[in-house]
Amino acid sequence: QVQLVESGGGLVQPGGSLQLSCAASGSIFEFTTMGMGWYRQAPGKQRDLVATITSGGRTNYVDDVKGRFTISRDNAKSTVYLQMNNLKREDTAVYYCRAVYSARLYWGQGTQVTVSS
């Protein structure tokens, strides 16, 4: 069983930045084998992929966050990050962390990001 705890959400003005964190339970070795990702869900919409990072550090982004968001991982801290720059109103959503481990999916509880002036 893997538990994921997100943090770092909040209210930010358009053009601002936030960094989300997702800490995973379990051993460091287990974390190094996990594929990690960030997803988001806006009100009334489905949950969509934002970015992923493999156990080997390969990253992937959806087109509308490329150049603005950066996903990274610190295996020593069992934590994955999402640095979000130049935020737009349409980035407003609940952001969820997801882990793929031993052929199972695990989700965090989500953290709210609101971009508004």
N, C-alpha and C. Protein backbone atom coordinates (compact mmCIF):
# COMPACT_ATOMS: atom_id res chain seq x y z
N GLN A 1 0.84 -1.19 0.00
CA GLN A 1 0.00 0.00 0.00
C GLN A 1 0.88 1.24 0.00
N VAL A 2 0.61 2.14 -0.94
CA VAL A 2 1.36 3.38 -1.04
C VAL A 2 0.43 4.53 -0.70
N GLN A 3 0.87 5.41 0.17
CA GLN A 3 0.11 6.62 0.48
C GLN A 3 0.84 7.82 -0.09
N LEU A 4 0.07 8.71 -0.69
CA LEU A 4 0.61 9.90 -1.32
C LEU A 4 -0.01 11.12 -0.66
N VAL A 5 0.82 12.08 -0.31
CA VAL A 5 0.33 13.30 0.34
C VAL A 5 0.83 14.50 -0.44
N GLU A 6 -0.11 15.24 -1.04
CA GLU A 6 0.24 16.43 -1.80
C GLU A 6 0.22 17.65 -0.91
N SER A 7 0.99 18.64 -1.29
CA SER A 7 0.99 19.93 -0.61
C SER A 7 1.46 21.00 -1.59
N GLY A 8 1.26 22.26 -1.20
CA GLY A 8 1.77 23.35 -1.99
C GLY A 8 0.74 24.12 -2.80
N GLY A 9 -0.50 23.66 -2.78
CA GLY A 9 -1.51 24.39 -3.52
C GLY A 9 -1.87 25.71 -2.85
N GLY A 10 -2.68 26.50 -3.55
CA GLY A 10 -3.09 27.78 -2.98
C GLY A 10 -3.64 28.71 -4.03
N LEU A 11 -3.76 29.97 -3.65
CA LEU A 11 -4.26 31.01 -4.53
C LEU A 11 -3.08 31.82 -5.06
N VAL A 12 -3.05 32.02 -6.36
CA VAL A 12 -1.96 32.76 -6.98
C VAL A 12 -2.53 33.61 -8.11
N GLN A 13 -1.90 34.74 -8.35
CA GLN A 13 -2.34 35.62 -9.43
C GLN A 13 -1.87 35.08 -10.78
N PRO A 14 -2.57 35.42 -11.84
CA PRO A 14 -2.10 35.05 -13.18
C PRO A 14 -0.66 35.52 -13.39
N GLY A 15 0.15 34.64 -13.97
CA GLY A 15 1.56 34.93 -14.17
C GLY A 15 2.44 34.50 -13.02
N GLY A 16 1.83 34.10 -11.92
CA GLY A 16 2.60 33.69 -10.75
C GLY A 16 3.07 32.25 -10.82
N SER A 17 3.69 31.81 -9.72
CA SER A 17 4.26 30.46 -9.66
C SER A 17 3.85 29.76 -8.39
N LEU A 18 3.81 28.45 -8.47
CA LEU A 18 3.59 27.58 -7.32
C LEU A 18 4.41 26.31 -7.53
N GLN A 19 4.81 25.71 -6.42
CA GLN A 19 5.44 24.40 -6.50
C GLN A 19 4.63 23.41 -5.66
N LEU A 20 4.16 22.37 -6.31
CA LEU A 20 3.45 21.29 -5.62
C LEU A 20 4.43 20.18 -5.25
N SER A 21 4.17 19.56 -4.13
CA SER A 21 4.97 18.42 -3.68
C SER A 21 4.06 17.23 -3.42
N CYS A 22 4.61 16.05 -3.63
CA CYS A 22 3.88 14.82 -3.35
C CYS A 22 4.85 13.86 -2.69
N ALA A 23 4.60 13.57 -1.43
CA ALA A 23 5.47 12.67 -0.67
C ALA A 23 4.84 11.29 -0.62
N ALA A 24 5.64 10.29 -0.92
CA ALA A 24 5.16 8.91 -0.95
C ALA A 24 5.63 8.14 0.27
N SER A 25 4.76 7.28 0.79
CA SER A 25 5.15 6.42 1.90
C SER A 25 5.95 5.23 1.38
N GLY A 26 6.54 4.50 2.27
CA GLY A 26 7.31 3.33 1.87
C GLY A 26 8.79 3.62 1.82
N SER A 27 9.55 2.64 1.39
CA SER A 27 11.00 2.79 1.39
C SER A 27 11.48 3.60 0.19
N ILE A 28 12.69 4.12 0.32
CA ILE A 28 13.30 4.86 -0.79
C ILE A 28 13.45 3.94 -2.00
N PHE A 29 13.82 2.68 -1.75
CA PHE A 29 13.98 1.75 -2.87
C PHE A 29 12.67 1.59 -3.62
N GLU A 30 11.56 1.44 -2.87
CA GLU A 30 10.25 1.31 -3.52
C GLU A 30 9.95 2.55 -4.34
N PHE A 31 10.24 3.72 -3.82
CA PHE A 31 9.95 4.95 -4.56
C PHE A 31 10.74 5.02 -5.86
N THR A 32 11.98 4.56 -5.84
CA THR A 32 12.80 4.65 -7.06
C THR A 32 12.23 3.82 -8.20
N THR A 33 11.38 2.86 -7.88
CA THR A 33 10.79 2.02 -8.93
C THR A 33 9.44 2.54 -9.40
N MET A 34 8.94 3.59 -8.79
CA MET A 34 7.60 4.10 -9.11
C MET A 34 7.62 5.06 -10.28
N GLY A 35 6.64 4.90 -11.17
CA GLY A 35 6.35 5.93 -12.14
C GLY A 35 5.41 6.92 -11.48
N MET A 36 5.70 8.21 -11.60
CA MET A 36 4.91 9.23 -10.91
C MET A 36 4.29 10.19 -11.92
N GLY A 37 3.19 10.78 -11.51
CA GLY A 37 2.54 11.72 -12.40
C GLY A 37 1.68 12.72 -11.65
N TRP A 38 1.39 13.80 -12.32
CA TRP A 38 0.46 14.81 -11.83
C TRP A 38 -0.71 14.89 -12.79
N TYR A 39 -1.90 14.95 -12.21
CA TYR A 39 -3.14 15.10 -12.95
C TYR A 39 -3.90 16.28 -12.35
N ARG A 40 -4.89 16.77 -13.08
CA ARG A 40 -5.71 17.85 -12.54
C ARG A 40 -7.16 17.69 -12.99
N GLN A 41 -8.03 18.21 -12.15
CA GLN A 41 -9.46 18.13 -12.43
C GLN A 41 -10.10 19.47 -12.10
N ALA A 42 -10.60 20.11 -13.16
CA ALA A 42 -11.32 21.37 -12.99
C ALA A 42 -12.79 21.07 -12.70
N PRO A 43 -13.51 22.01 -12.10
CA PRO A 43 -14.93 21.78 -11.77
C PRO A 43 -15.74 21.38 -12.99
N GLY A 44 -16.48 20.29 -12.88
CA GLY A 44 -17.32 19.84 -13.95
C GLY A 44 -16.60 19.14 -15.10
N LYS A 45 -15.31 18.90 -14.93
CA LYS A 45 -14.53 18.27 -16.00
C LYS A 45 -13.89 16.98 -15.51
N GLN A 46 -13.38 16.20 -16.44
CA GLN A 46 -12.73 14.95 -16.08
C GLN A 46 -11.32 15.23 -15.60
N ARG A 47 -10.74 14.24 -14.95
CA ARG A 47 -9.36 14.34 -14.48
C ARG A 47 -8.42 14.10 -15.67
N ASP A 48 -7.52 15.03 -15.89
CA ASP A 48 -6.63 14.97 -17.05
C ASP A 48 -5.17 14.91 -16.62
N LEU A 49 -4.38 14.28 -17.47
CA LEU A 49 -2.95 14.21 -17.28
C LEU A 49 -2.31 15.59 -17.42
N VAL A 50 -1.34 15.87 -16.55
CA VAL A 50 -0.54 17.09 -16.67
C VAL A 50 0.88 16.74 -17.08
N ALA A 51 1.51 15.86 -16.28
CA ALA A 51 2.91 15.51 -16.54
C ALA A 51 3.23 14.19 -15.85
N THR A 52 4.20 13.48 -16.41
CA THR A 52 4.66 12.24 -15.80
C THR A 52 6.18 12.20 -15.77
N ILE A 53 6.70 11.37 -14.87
CA ILE A 53 8.14 11.14 -14.79
C ILE A 53 8.35 9.67 -14.46
N THR A 54 9.19 9.02 -15.26
CA THR A 54 9.43 7.60 -15.05
C THR A 54 10.43 7.38 -13.92
N SER A 55 10.60 6.12 -13.56
CA SER A 55 11.59 5.80 -12.53
C SER A 55 12.98 6.20 -12.98
N GLY A 56 13.20 6.24 -14.29
CA GLY A 56 14.50 6.63 -14.81
C GLY A 56 14.65 8.12 -15.03
N GLY A 57 13.58 8.88 -14.75
CA GLY A 57 13.68 10.33 -14.85
C GLY A 57 13.21 10.92 -16.17
N ARG A 58 12.66 10.08 -17.05
CA ARG A 58 12.16 10.61 -18.32
C ARG A 58 10.81 11.29 -18.07
N THR A 59 10.67 12.48 -18.65
CA THR A 59 9.47 13.28 -18.40
C THR A 59 8.59 13.42 -19.64
N ASN A 60 7.33 13.71 -19.39
CA ASN A 60 6.36 13.92 -20.46
C ASN A 60 5.34 14.95 -19.98
N TYR A 61 4.93 15.84 -20.90
CA TYR A 61 4.00 16.91 -20.54
C TYR A 61 2.89 17.00 -21.58
N VAL A 62 1.72 17.44 -21.12
CA VAL A 62 0.69 17.77 -22.09
C VAL A 62 1.05 19.10 -22.72
N ASP A 63 0.53 19.35 -23.91
CA ASP A 63 0.97 20.50 -24.69
C ASP A 63 0.74 21.83 -23.98
N ASP A 64 -0.38 21.99 -23.30
CA ASP A 64 -0.69 23.32 -22.77
C ASP A 64 0.09 23.67 -21.50
N VAL A 65 0.95 22.79 -21.01
CA VAL A 65 1.81 23.15 -19.88
C VAL A 65 3.29 23.12 -20.26
N LYS A 66 3.59 22.67 -21.46
CA LYS A 66 5.00 22.61 -21.89
C LYS A 66 5.62 24.00 -21.86
N GLY A 67 6.82 24.07 -21.29
CA GLY A 67 7.51 25.34 -21.18
C GLY A 67 7.13 26.15 -19.94
N ARG A 68 6.06 25.72 -19.26
CA ARG A 68 5.63 26.44 -18.05
C ARG A 68 5.76 25.58 -16.80
N PHE A 69 5.50 24.29 -16.93
CA PHE A 69 5.54 23.36 -15.79
C PHE A 69 6.75 22.45 -15.90
N THR A 70 7.30 22.08 -14.75
CA THR A 70 8.41 21.13 -14.71
C THR A 70 8.15 20.10 -13.62
N ILE A 71 8.17 18.83 -14.01
CA ILE A 71 8.04 17.74 -13.04
C ILE A 71 9.43 17.22 -12.72
N SER A 72 9.66 16.92 -11.46
CA SER A 72 10.95 16.38 -11.04
C SER A 72 10.74 15.47 -9.84
N ARG A 73 11.76 14.72 -9.53
CA ARG A 73 11.66 13.82 -8.38
C ARG A 73 12.95 13.83 -7.58
N ASP A 74 12.82 13.66 -6.28
CA ASP A 74 13.95 13.54 -5.37
C ASP A 74 13.81 12.18 -4.70
N ASN A 75 14.51 11.21 -5.19
CA ASN A 75 14.36 9.85 -4.68
C ASN A 75 14.77 9.73 -3.22
N ALA A 76 15.75 10.52 -2.81
CA ALA A 76 16.20 10.46 -1.41
C ALA A 76 15.12 10.92 -0.45
N LYS A 77 14.18 11.73 -0.96
CA LYS A 77 13.07 12.22 -0.13
C LYS A 77 11.74 11.55 -0.49
N SER A 78 11.77 10.63 -1.42
CA SER A 78 10.55 9.96 -1.87
C SER A 78 9.48 10.98 -2.24
N THR A 79 9.88 11.99 -2.97
CA THR A 79 8.99 13.11 -3.28
C THR A 79 9.08 13.47 -4.76
N VAL A 80 7.93 13.78 -5.32
CA VAL A 80 7.87 14.30 -6.68
C VAL A 80 7.31 15.72 -6.61
N TYR A 81 7.81 16.57 -7.50
CA TYR A 81 7.45 17.98 -7.49
C TYR A 81 6.82 18.38 -8.83
N LEU A 82 6.03 19.42 -8.77
CA LEU A 82 5.54 20.06 -9.99
C LEU A 82 5.74 21.56 -9.82
N GLN A 83 6.73 22.08 -10.52
CA GLN A 83 6.97 23.52 -10.52
C GLN A 83 6.11 24.13 -11.61
N MET A 84 5.26 25.07 -11.23
CA MET A 84 4.33 25.68 -12.16
C MET A 84 4.64 27.17 -12.25
N ASN A 85 5.02 27.60 -13.44
CA ASN A 85 5.34 29.01 -13.68
C ASN A 85 4.36 29.59 -14.68
N ASN A 86 4.29 30.92 -14.70
CA ASN A 86 3.41 31.62 -15.64
C ASN A 86 2.00 31.03 -15.62
N LEU A 87 1.45 30.92 -14.43
CA LEU A 87 0.15 30.28 -14.28
C LEU A 87 -0.96 31.10 -14.94
N LYS A 88 -1.93 30.39 -15.49
CA LYS A 88 -3.07 30.99 -16.16
C LYS A 88 -4.35 30.62 -15.43
N ARG A 89 -5.40 31.41 -15.65
CA ARG A 89 -6.67 31.12 -14.99
C ARG A 89 -7.15 29.71 -15.30
N GLU A 90 -6.87 29.26 -16.52
CA GLU A 90 -7.34 27.93 -16.90
C GLU A 90 -6.55 26.80 -16.24
N ASP A 91 -5.51 27.13 -15.49
CA ASP A 91 -4.79 26.12 -14.71
C ASP A 91 -5.49 25.83 -13.38
N THR A 92 -6.54 26.59 -13.08
CA THR A 92 -7.28 26.37 -11.84
C THR A 92 -7.90 24.98 -11.83
N ALA A 93 -7.59 24.21 -10.78
CA ALA A 93 -8.07 22.83 -10.68
C ALA A 93 -7.59 22.23 -9.36
N VAL A 94 -8.10 21.06 -9.07
CA VAL A 94 -7.52 20.24 -8.01
C VAL A 94 -6.45 19.38 -8.66
N TYR A 95 -5.26 19.42 -8.12
CA TYR A 95 -4.13 18.67 -8.67
C TYR A 95 -3.89 17.42 -7.83
N TYR A 96 -3.77 16.30 -8.55
CA TYR A 96 -3.60 15.00 -7.91
C TYR A 96 -2.28 14.38 -8.31
N CYS A 97 -1.65 13.75 -7.35
CA CYS A 97 -0.44 12.98 -7.58
C CYS A 97 -0.84 11.51 -7.79
N ARG A 98 -0.18 10.85 -8.72
CA ARG A 98 -0.44 9.44 -8.97
C ARG A 98 0.86 8.66 -9.02
N ALA A 99 0.82 7.48 -8.43
CA ALA A 99 1.97 6.58 -8.47
C ALA A 99 1.59 5.26 -9.12
N VAL A 100 2.50 4.74 -9.91
CA VAL A 100 2.34 3.40 -10.47
C VAL A 100 3.40 2.52 -9.81
N TYR A 101 2.94 1.52 -9.06
CA TYR A 101 3.87 0.68 -8.33
C TYR A 101 3.36 -0.74 -8.31
N SER A 102 4.20 -1.64 -8.73
CA SER A 102 3.86 -3.06 -8.72
C SER A 102 2.53 -3.30 -9.43
N ALA A 103 2.37 -2.66 -10.59
CA ALA A 103 1.20 -2.83 -11.45
C ALA A 103 -0.09 -2.29 -10.85
N ARG A 104 0.01 -1.44 -9.84
CA ARG A 104 -1.17 -0.83 -9.24
C ARG A 104 -1.04 0.68 -9.27
N LEU A 105 -2.21 1.33 -9.28
CA LEU A 105 -2.25 2.79 -9.27
C LEU A 105 -2.63 3.29 -7.88
N TYR A 106 -1.98 4.36 -7.47
CA TYR A 106 -2.29 5.00 -6.20
C TYR A 106 -2.46 6.49 -6.44
N TRP A 107 -3.41 7.09 -5.72
CA TRP A 107 -3.72 8.51 -5.87
C TRP A 107 -3.61 9.21 -4.53
N GLY A 108 -3.19 10.47 -4.59
CA GLY A 108 -3.25 11.32 -3.42
C GLY A 108 -4.63 11.93 -3.28
N GLN A 109 -4.78 12.75 -2.25
CA GLN A 109 -6.10 13.33 -1.94
C GLN A 109 -6.36 14.61 -2.74
N GLY A 110 -5.33 15.14 -3.36
CA GLY A 110 -5.49 16.34 -4.16
C GLY A 110 -5.18 17.62 -3.40
N THR A 111 -4.76 18.61 -4.15
CA THR A 111 -4.50 19.94 -3.58
C THR A 111 -5.04 20.99 -4.56
N GLN A 112 -5.74 21.97 -4.01
CA GLN A 112 -6.41 22.97 -4.85
C GLN A 112 -5.43 24.05 -5.30
N VAL A 113 -5.47 24.34 -6.58
CA VAL A 113 -4.73 25.46 -7.15
C VAL A 113 -5.74 26.40 -7.79
N THR A 114 -5.74 27.64 -7.34
CA THR A 114 -6.65 28.64 -7.88
C THR A 114 -5.84 29.81 -8.41
N VAL A 115 -6.04 30.10 -9.69
CA VAL A 115 -5.33 31.21 -10.34
C VAL A 115 -6.36 32.31 -10.59
N SER A 116 -6.20 33.40 -9.87
CA SER A 116 -7.19 34.46 -9.95
C SER A 116 -6.58 35.77 -9.46
N SER A 117 -7.06 36.86 -10.04
CA SER A 117 -6.61 38.18 -9.59
C SER A 117 -7.60 38.75 -8.58
